Amino acid sequence: MRIDKYLKVSRIIKRRTIANEACDQGRILANGKVVKASYDVKENDILEIKMGEKVIKIQVLSIAEHVMKNDASSLYKVIN
């Protein structure tokens, strides 16, 4: 699954267009490397999302095309 879609489905970023723009601006890292929106997310990837001064670091636990709002947080684990 593309990283921009994963960020939207997991509800880390609310809209896919915003996730796409964040990738274009170099604010999304996968396993320590800046990635484009077309990057293929795999289980156990470590993602870093820079939103202003805040940096969120997550580990991808699973990938799903559709999830309910309540189950979205089960797709990843926050790491600090």
PDB file of N, CA and C in Angstrom:
ATOM      1  N   MET A   1       0.852  -1.177   0.000  1.00  0.00           N
ATOM      2  CA  MET A   1       0.000   0.000   0.000  1.00  0.00           C
ATOM      3  C   MET A   1       0.896   1.238   0.000  1.00  0.00           C
ATOM      4  N   ARG A   2       0.498   2.238  -0.760  1.00  0.00           N
ATOM      5  CA  ARG A   2       1.243   3.502  -0.797  1.00  0.00           C
ATOM      6  C   ARG A   2       1.221   4.175   0.568  1.00  0.00           C
ATOM      7  N   ILE A   3       2.310   4.874   0.881  1.00  0.00           N
ATOM      8  CA  ILE A   3       2.417   5.488   2.209  1.00  0.00           C
ATOM      9  C   ILE A   3       1.371   6.579   2.420  1.00  0.00           C
ATOM     10  N   ASP A   4       1.037   7.348   1.377  1.00  0.00           N
ATOM     11  CA  ASP A   4       0.028   8.393   1.558  1.00  0.00           C
ATOM     12  C   ASP A   4      -1.335   7.782   1.896  1.00  0.00           C
ATOM     13  N   LYS A   5      -1.663   6.662   1.267  1.00  0.00           N
ATOM     14  CA  LYS A   5      -2.926   5.991   1.565  1.00  0.00           C
ATOM     15  C   LYS A   5      -2.896   5.366   2.961  1.00  0.00           C
ATOM     16  N   TYR A   6      -1.762   4.779   3.343  1.00  0.00           N
ATOM     17  CA  TYR A   6      -1.643   4.178   4.670  1.00  0.00           C
ATOM     18  C   TYR A   6      -1.849   5.218   5.766  1.00  0.00           C
ATOM     19  N   LEU A   7      -1.238   6.387   5.604  1.00  0.00           N
ATOM     20  CA  LEU A   7      -1.373   7.443   6.611  1.00  0.00           C
ATOM     21  C   LEU A   7      -2.824   7.888   6.750  1.00  0.00           C
ATOM     22  N   LYS A   8      -3.565   7.886   5.646  1.00  0.00           N
ATOM     23  CA  LYS A   8      -4.976   8.263   5.681  1.00  0.00           C
ATOM     24  C   LYS A   8      -5.833   7.152   6.300  1.00  0.00           C
ATOM     25  N   VAL A   9      -5.623   5.899   5.869  1.00  0.00           N
ATOM     26  CA  VAL A   9      -6.411   4.774   6.376  1.00  0.00           C
ATOM     27  C   VAL A   9      -6.189   4.588   7.875  1.00  0.00           C
ATOM     28  N   SER A  10      -4.941   4.754   8.331  1.00  0.00           N
ATOM     29  CA  SER A  10      -4.640   4.590   9.751  1.00  0.00           C
ATOM     30  C   SER A  10      -5.018   5.832  10.555  1.00  0.00           C
ATOM     31  N   ARG A  11      -5.457   6.854   9.871  1.00  0.00           N
ATOM     32  CA  ARG A  11      -5.917   8.107  10.467  1.00  0.00           C
ATOM     33  C   ARG A  11      -4.828   8.854  11.232  1.00  0.00           C
ATOM     34  N   ILE A  12      -3.584   8.663  10.813  1.00  0.00           N
ATOM     35  CA  ILE A  12      -2.481   9.458  11.351  1.00  0.00           C
ATOM     36  C   ILE A  12      -2.566  10.856  10.748  1.00  0.00           C
ATOM     37  N   ILE A  13      -2.872  10.912   9.449  1.00  0.00           N
ATOM     38  CA  ILE A  13      -3.143  12.174   8.758  1.00  0.00           C
ATOM     39  C   ILE A  13      -4.548  12.053   8.186  1.00  0.00           C
ATOM     40  N   LYS A  14      -5.353  13.089   8.353  1.00  0.00           N
ATOM     41  CA  LYS A  14      -6.782  12.980   8.038  1.00  0.00           C
ATOM     42  C   LYS A  14      -7.111  12.872   6.554  1.00  0.00           C
ATOM     43  N   ARG A  15      -6.328  13.540   5.696  1.00  0.00           N
ATOM     44  CA  ARG A  15      -6.636  13.503   4.264  1.00  0.00           C
ATOM     45  C   ARG A  15      -5.431  13.032   3.460  1.00  0.00           C
ATOM     46  N   ARG A  16      -5.720  12.273   2.412  1.00  0.00           N
ATOM     47  CA  ARG A  16      -4.640  11.725   1.581  1.00  0.00           C
ATOM     48  C   ARG A  16      -3.859  12.827   0.880  1.00  0.00           C
ATOM     49  N   THR A  17      -4.531  13.894   0.474  1.00  0.00           N
ATOM     50  CA  THR A  17      -3.829  14.987  -0.204  1.00  0.00           C
ATOM     51  C   THR A  17      -2.818  15.646   0.725  1.00  0.00           C
ATOM     52  N   ILE A  18      -3.159  15.760   1.998  1.00  0.00           N
ATOM     53  CA  ILE A  18      -2.230  16.344   2.971  1.00  0.00           C
ATOM     54  C   ILE A  18      -1.057  15.392   3.198  1.00  0.00           C
ATOM     55  N   ALA A  19      -1.317  14.094   3.237  1.00  0.00           N
ATOM     56  CA  ALA A  19      -0.251  13.102   3.368  1.00  0.00           C
ATOM     57  C   ALA A  19       0.674  13.159   2.156  1.00  0.00           C
ATOM     58  N   ASN A  20       0.088  13.328   0.991  1.00  0.00           N
ATOM     59  CA  ASN A  20       0.859  13.431  -0.248  1.00  0.00           C
ATOM     60  C   ASN A  20       1.750  14.667  -0.225  1.00  0.00           C
ATOM     61  N   GLU A  21       1.208  15.795   0.219  1.00  0.00           N
ATOM     62  CA  GLU A  21       1.989  17.037   0.312  1.00  0.00           C
ATOM     63  C   GLU A  21       3.118  16.907   1.326  1.00  0.00           C
ATOM     64  N   ALA A  22       2.860  16.228   2.448  1.00  0.00           N
ATOM     65  CA  ALA A  22       3.893  16.024   3.465  1.00  0.00           C
ATOM     66  C   ALA A  22       5.056  15.214   2.893  1.00  0.00           C
ATOM     67  N   CYS A  23       4.745  14.221   2.068  1.00  0.00           N
ATOM     68  CA  CYS A  23       5.796  13.431   1.408  1.00  0.00           C
ATOM     69  C   CYS A  23       6.589  14.303   0.441  1.00  0.00           C
ATOM     70  N   ASP A  24       5.892  15.119  -0.334  1.00  0.00           N
ATOM     71  CA  ASP A  24       6.559  16.002  -1.299  1.00  0.00           C
ATOM     72  C   ASP A  24       7.492  16.993  -0.608  1.00  0.00           C
ATOM     73  N   GLN A  25       7.151  17.393   0.613  1.00  0.00           N
ATOM     74  CA  GLN A  25       7.953  18.364   1.353  1.00  0.00           C
ATOM     75  C   GLN A  25       9.052  17.698   2.179  1.00  0.00           C
ATOM     76  N   GLY A  26       9.178  16.368   2.101  1.00  0.00           N
ATOM     77  CA  GLY A  26      10.234  15.654   2.804  1.00  0.00           C
ATOM     78  C   GLY A  26       9.998  15.495   4.293  1.00  0.00           C
ATOM     79  N   ARG A  27       8.740  15.526   4.717  1.00  0.00           N
ATOM     80  CA  ARG A  27       8.424  15.427   6.145  1.00  0.00           C
ATOM     81  C   ARG A  27       8.076  14.017   6.596  1.00  0.00           C
ATOM     82  N   ILE A  28       8.117  13.046   5.666  1.00  0.00           N
ATOM     83  CA  ILE A  28       7.823  11.657   6.000  1.00  0.00           C
ATOM     84  C   ILE A  28       9.078  10.823   5.736  1.00  0.00           C
ATOM     85  N   LEU A  29       9.515  10.081   6.761  1.00  0.00           N
ATOM     86  CA  LEU A  29      10.672   9.208   6.628  1.00  0.00           C
ATOM     87  C   LEU A  29      10.243   7.772   6.901  1.00  0.00           C
ATOM     88  N   ALA A  30      10.772   6.847   6.119  1.00  0.00           N
ATOM     89  CA  ALA A  30      10.536   5.427   6.345  1.00  0.00           C
ATOM     90  C   ALA A  30      11.893   4.771   6.542  1.00  0.00           C
ATOM     91  N   ASN A  31      12.083   4.161   7.692  1.00  0.00           N
ATOM     92  CA  ASN A  31      13.351   3.512   8.023  1.00  0.00           C
ATOM     93  C   ASN A  31      14.533   4.465   7.867  1.00  0.00           C
ATOM     94  N   GLY A  32      14.333   5.725   8.253  1.00  0.00           N
ATOM     95  CA  GLY A  32      15.404   6.715   8.250  1.00  0.00           C
ATOM     96  C   GLY A  32      15.654   7.420   6.933  1.00  0.00           C
ATOM     97  N   LYS A  33      14.862   7.117   5.902  1.00  0.00           N
ATOM     98  CA  LYS A  33      15.055   7.745   4.591  1.00  0.00           C
ATOM     99  C   LYS A  33      13.801   8.513   4.179  1.00  0.00           C
ATOM    100  N   VAL A  34      14.003   9.690   3.592  1.00  0.00           N
ATOM    101  CA  VAL A  34      12.880  10.467   3.079  1.00  0.00           C
ATOM    102  C   VAL A  34      12.248   9.685   1.922  1.00  0.00           C
ATOM    103  N   VAL A  35      10.923   9.595   1.933  1.00  0.00           N
ATOM    104  CA  VAL A  35      10.230   8.807   0.906  1.00  0.00           C
ATOM    105  C   VAL A  35       9.207   9.653   0.155  1.00  0.00           C
ATOM    106  N   LYS A  36       8.888   9.191  -1.051  1.00  0.00           N
ATOM    107  CA  LYS A  36       7.835   9.808  -1.849  1.00  0.00           C
ATOM    108  C   LYS A  36       6.505   9.176  -1.475  1.00  0.00           C
ATOM    109  N   ALA A  37       5.418   9.785  -1.930  1.00  0.00           N
ATOM    110  CA  ALA A  37       4.069   9.291  -1.617  1.00  0.00           C
ATOM    111  C   ALA A  37       3.834   7.892  -2.182  1.00  0.00           C
ATOM    112  N   SER A  38       4.590   7.498  -3.195  1.00  0.00           N
ATOM    113  CA  SER A  38       4.402   6.195  -3.819  1.00  0.00           C
ATOM    114  C   SER A  38       5.142   5.067  -3.098  1.00  0.00           C
ATOM    115  N   TYR A  39       5.862   5.387  -2.021  1.00  0.00           N
ATOM    116  CA  TYR A  39       6.603   4.358  -1.274  1.00  0.00           C
ATOM    117  C   TYR A  39       5.649   3.259  -0.802  1.00  0.00           C
ATOM    118  N   ASP A  40       6.055   2.009  -0.971  1.00  0.00           N
ATOM    119  CA  ASP A  40       5.233   0.864  -0.599  1.00  0.00           C
ATOM    120  C   ASP A  40       5.492   0.490   0.861  1.00  0.00           C
ATOM    121  N   VAL A  41       4.520   0.726   1.731  1.00  0.00           N
ATOM    122  CA  VAL A  41       4.647   0.452   3.163  1.00  0.00           C
ATOM    123  C   VAL A  41       4.591  -1.049   3.403  1.00  0.00           C
ATOM    124  N   LYS A  42       5.491  -1.528   4.278  1.00  0.00           N
ATOM    125  CA  LYS A  42       5.509  -2.931   4.653  1.00  0.00           C
ATOM    126  C   LYS A  42       5.382  -3.046   6.174  1.00  0.00           C
ATOM    127  N   GLU A  43       4.959  -4.201   6.651  1.00  0.00           N
ATOM    128  CA  GLU A  43       4.863  -4.415   8.095  1.00  0.00           C
ATOM    129  C   GLU A  43       6.244  -4.280   8.713  1.00  0.00           C
ATOM    130  N   ASN A  44       6.293  -3.745   9.918  1.00  0.00           N
ATOM    131  CA  ASN A  44       7.511  -3.503  10.692  1.00  0.00           C
ATOM    132  C   ASN A  44       8.342  -2.320  10.195  1.00  0.00           C
ATOM    133  N   ASP A  45       7.868  -1.566   9.206  1.00  0.00           N
ATOM    134  CA  ASP A  45       8.541  -0.327   8.817  1.00  0.00           C
ATOM    135  C   ASP A  45       8.458   0.656   9.976  1.00  0.00           C
ATOM    136  N   ILE A  46       9.483   1.477  10.135  1.00  0.00           N
ATOM    137  CA  ILE A  46       9.482   2.551  11.125  1.00  0.00           C
ATOM    138  C   ILE A  46       9.269   3.857  10.367  1.00  0.00           C
ATOM    139  N   LEU A  47       8.178   4.548  10.667  1.00  0.00           N
ATOM    140  CA  LEU A  47       7.842   5.802   9.996  1.00  0.00           C
ATOM    141  C   LEU A  47       8.027   6.966  10.953  1.00  0.00           C
ATOM    142  N   GLU A  48       8.582   8.059  10.440  1.00  0.00           N
ATOM    143  CA  GLU A  48       8.700   9.303  11.206  1.00  0.00           C
ATOM    144  C   GLU A  48       7.936  10.370  10.449  1.00  0.00           C
ATOM    145  N   ILE A  49       6.994  11.008  11.132  1.00  0.00           N
ATOM    146  CA  ILE A  49       6.167  12.051  10.529  1.00  0.00           C
ATOM    147  C   ILE A  49       6.454  13.351  11.254  1.00  0.00           C
ATOM    148  N   LYS A  50       6.915  14.351  10.518  1.00  0.00           N
ATOM    149  CA  LYS A  50       7.223  15.655  11.103  1.00  0.00           C
ATOM    150  C   LYS A  50       6.050  16.586  10.845  1.00  0.00           C
ATOM    151  N   MET A  51       5.413  17.041  11.926  1.00  0.00           N
ATOM    152  CA  MET A  51       4.298  17.984  11.819  1.00  0.00           C
ATOM    153  C   MET A  51       4.662  19.209  12.648  1.00  0.00           C
ATOM    154  N   GLY A  52       5.169  20.224  11.992  1.00  0.00           N
ATOM    155  CA  GLY A  52       5.619  21.412  12.702  1.00  0.00           C
ATOM    156  C   GLY A  52       6.808  21.064  13.576  1.00  0.00           C
ATOM    157  N   GLU A  53       6.723  21.369  14.858  1.00  0.00           N
ATOM    158  CA  GLU A  53       7.797  21.066  15.807  1.00  0.00           C
ATOM    159  C   GLU A  53       7.721  19.622  16.312  1.00  0.00           C
ATOM    160  N   LYS A  54       6.585  18.977  16.086  1.00  0.00           N
ATOM    161  CA  LYS A  54       6.337  17.643  16.628  1.00  0.00           C
ATOM    162  C   LYS A  54       6.790  16.557  15.640  1.00  0.00           C
ATOM    163  N   VAL A  55       7.431  15.524  16.164  1.00  0.00           N
ATOM    164  CA  VAL A  55       7.819  14.369  15.352  1.00  0.00           C
ATOM    165  C   VAL A  55       7.174  13.131  15.953  1.00  0.00           C
ATOM    166  N   ILE A  56       6.415  12.420  15.138  1.00  0.00           N
ATOM    167  CA  ILE A  56       5.762  11.190  15.576  1.00  0.00           C
ATOM    168  C   ILE A  56       6.503  10.025  14.937  1.00  0.00           C
ATOM    169  N   LYS A  57       6.909   9.064  15.761  1.00  0.00           N
ATOM    170  CA  LYS A  57       7.616   7.891  15.275  1.00  0.00           C
ATOM    171  C   LYS A  57       6.739   6.681  15.538  1.00  0.00           C
ATOM    172  N   ILE A  58       6.415   5.932  14.473  1.00  0.00           N
ATOM    173  CA  ILE A  58       5.528   4.776  14.609  1.00  0.00           C
ATOM    174  C   ILE A  58       6.119   3.548  13.943  1.00  0.00           C
ATOM    175  N   GLN A  59       5.656   2.389  14.403  1.00  0.00           N
ATOM    176  CA  GLN A  59       6.005   1.127  13.761  1.00  0.00           C
ATOM    177  C   GLN A  59       4.731   0.576  13.131  1.00  0.00           C
ATOM    178  N   VAL A  60       4.821   0.178  11.865  1.00  0.00           N
ATOM    179  CA  VAL A  60       3.671  -0.378  11.152  1.00  0.00           C
ATOM    180  C   VAL A  60       3.459  -1.809  11.639  1.00  0.00           C
ATOM    181  N   LEU A  61       2.279  -2.081  12.201  1.00  0.00           N
ATOM    182  CA  LEU A  61       1.958  -3.422  12.687  1.00  0.00           C
ATOM    183  C   LEU A  61       1.217  -4.243  11.643  1.00  0.00           C
ATOM    184  N   SER A  62       0.297  -3.604  10.924  1.00  0.00           N
ATOM    185  CA  SER A  62      -0.438  -4.308   9.878  1.00  0.00           C
ATOM    186  C   SER A  62      -0.923  -3.307   8.837  1.00  0.00           C
ATOM    187  N   ILE A  63      -1.337  -3.859   7.709  1.00  0.00           N
ATOM    188  CA  ILE A  63      -1.803  -3.035   6.592  1.00  0.00           C
ATOM    189  C   ILE A  63      -3.181  -3.529   6.198  1.00  0.00           C
ATOM    190  N   ALA A  64      -4.134  -2.609   6.058  1.00  0.00           N
ATOM    191  CA  ALA A  64      -5.495  -2.970   5.661  1.00  0.00           C
ATOM    192  C   ALA A  64      -6.054  -1.875   4.755  1.00  0.00           C
ATOM    193  N   GLU A  65      -6.836  -2.281   3.772  1.00  0.00           N
ATOM    194  CA  GLU A  65      -7.431  -1.324   2.838  1.00  0.00           C
ATOM    195  C   GLU A  65      -8.488  -0.448   3.506  1.00  0.00           C
ATOM    196  N   HIS A  66      -9.301  -1.063   4.371  1.00  0.00           N
ATOM    197  CA  HIS A  66     -10.384  -0.341   5.042  1.00  0.00           C
ATOM    198  C   HIS A  66     -10.423  -0.756   6.508  1.00  0.00           C
ATOM    199  N   VAL A  67     -10.532   0.219   7.388  1.00  0.00           N
ATOM    200  CA  VAL A  67     -10.702  -0.069   8.812  1.00  0.00           C
ATOM    201  C   VAL A  67     -11.706   0.914   9.397  1.00  0.00           C
ATOM    202  N   MET A  68     -12.372   0.459  10.425  1.00  0.00           N
ATOM    203  CA  MET A  68     -13.297   1.329  11.130  1.00  0.00           C
ATOM    204  C   MET A  68     -12.485   2.334  11.942  1.00  0.00           C
ATOM    205  N   LYS A  69     -13.083   3.463  12.243  1.00  0.00           N
ATOM    206  CA  LYS A  69     -12.398   4.528  12.976  1.00  0.00           C
ATOM    207  C   LYS A  69     -11.820   4.029  14.298  1.00  0.00           C
ATOM    208  N   ASN A  70     -12.569   3.211  15.006  1.00  0.00           N
ATOM    209  CA  ASN A  70     -12.133   2.709  16.312  1.00  0.00           C
ATOM    210  C   ASN A  70     -10.959   1.740  16.215  1.00  0.00           C
ATOM    211  N   ASP A  71     -10.808   1.067  15.062  1.00  0.00           N
ATOM    212  CA  ASP A  71      -9.755   0.069  14.886  1.00  0.00           C
ATOM    213  C   ASP A  71      -8.505   0.626  14.217  1.00  0.00           C
ATOM    214  N   ALA A  72      -8.530   1.882  13.800  1.00  0.00           N
ATOM    215  CA  ALA A  72      -7.415   2.463  13.046  1.00  0.00           C
ATOM    216  C   ALA A  72      -6.111   2.443  13.826  1.00  0.00           C
ATOM    217  N   SER A  73      -6.165   2.656  15.122  1.00  0.00           N
ATOM    218  CA  SER A  73      -4.941   2.701  15.920  1.00  0.00           C
ATOM    219  C   SER A  73      -4.293   1.321  16.071  1.00  0.00           C
ATOM    220  N   SER A  74      -4.985   0.250  15.702  1.00  0.00           N
ATOM    221  CA  SER A  74      -4.397  -1.076  15.791  1.00  0.00           C
ATOM    222  C   SER A  74      -3.434  -1.366  14.633  1.00  0.00           C
ATOM    223  N   LEU A  75      -3.390  -0.469  13.652  1.00  0.00           N
ATOM    224  CA  LEU A  75      -2.502  -0.650  12.505  1.00  0.00           C
ATOM    225  C   LEU A  75      -1.053  -0.248  12.802  1.00  0.00           C
ATOM    226  N   TYR A  76      -0.840   0.496  13.884  1.00  0.00           N
ATOM    227  CA  TYR A  76       0.509   0.983  14.177  1.00  0.00           C
ATOM    228  C   TYR A  76       0.731   1.075  15.690  1.00  0.00           C
ATOM    229  N   LYS A  77       2.010   1.214  16.063  1.00  0.00           N
ATOM    230  CA  LYS A  77       2.391   1.388  17.464  1.00  0.00           C
ATOM    231  C   LYS A  77       3.301   2.614  17.545  1.00  0.00           C
ATOM    232  N   VAL A  78       2.997   3.515  18.452  1.00  0.00           N
ATOM    233  CA  VAL A  78       3.820   4.726  18.632  1.00  0.00           C
ATOM    234  C   VAL A  78       5.087   4.349  19.391  1.00  0.00           C
ATOM    235  N   ILE A  79       6.221   4.817  18.873  1.00  0.00           N
ATOM    236  CA  ILE A  79       7.531   4.557  19.472  1.00  0.00           C
ATOM    237  C   ILE A  79       8.127   5.875  19.928  1.00  0.00           C
ATOM    238  N   ASN A  80       8.785   5.892  21.069  1.00  0.00           N
ATOM    239  CA  ASN A  80       9.502   7.088  21.518  1.00  0.00           C
ATOM    240  C   ASN A  80      10.858   6.763  22.049  1.00  0.00           C
TER     241      ASN A  80
END
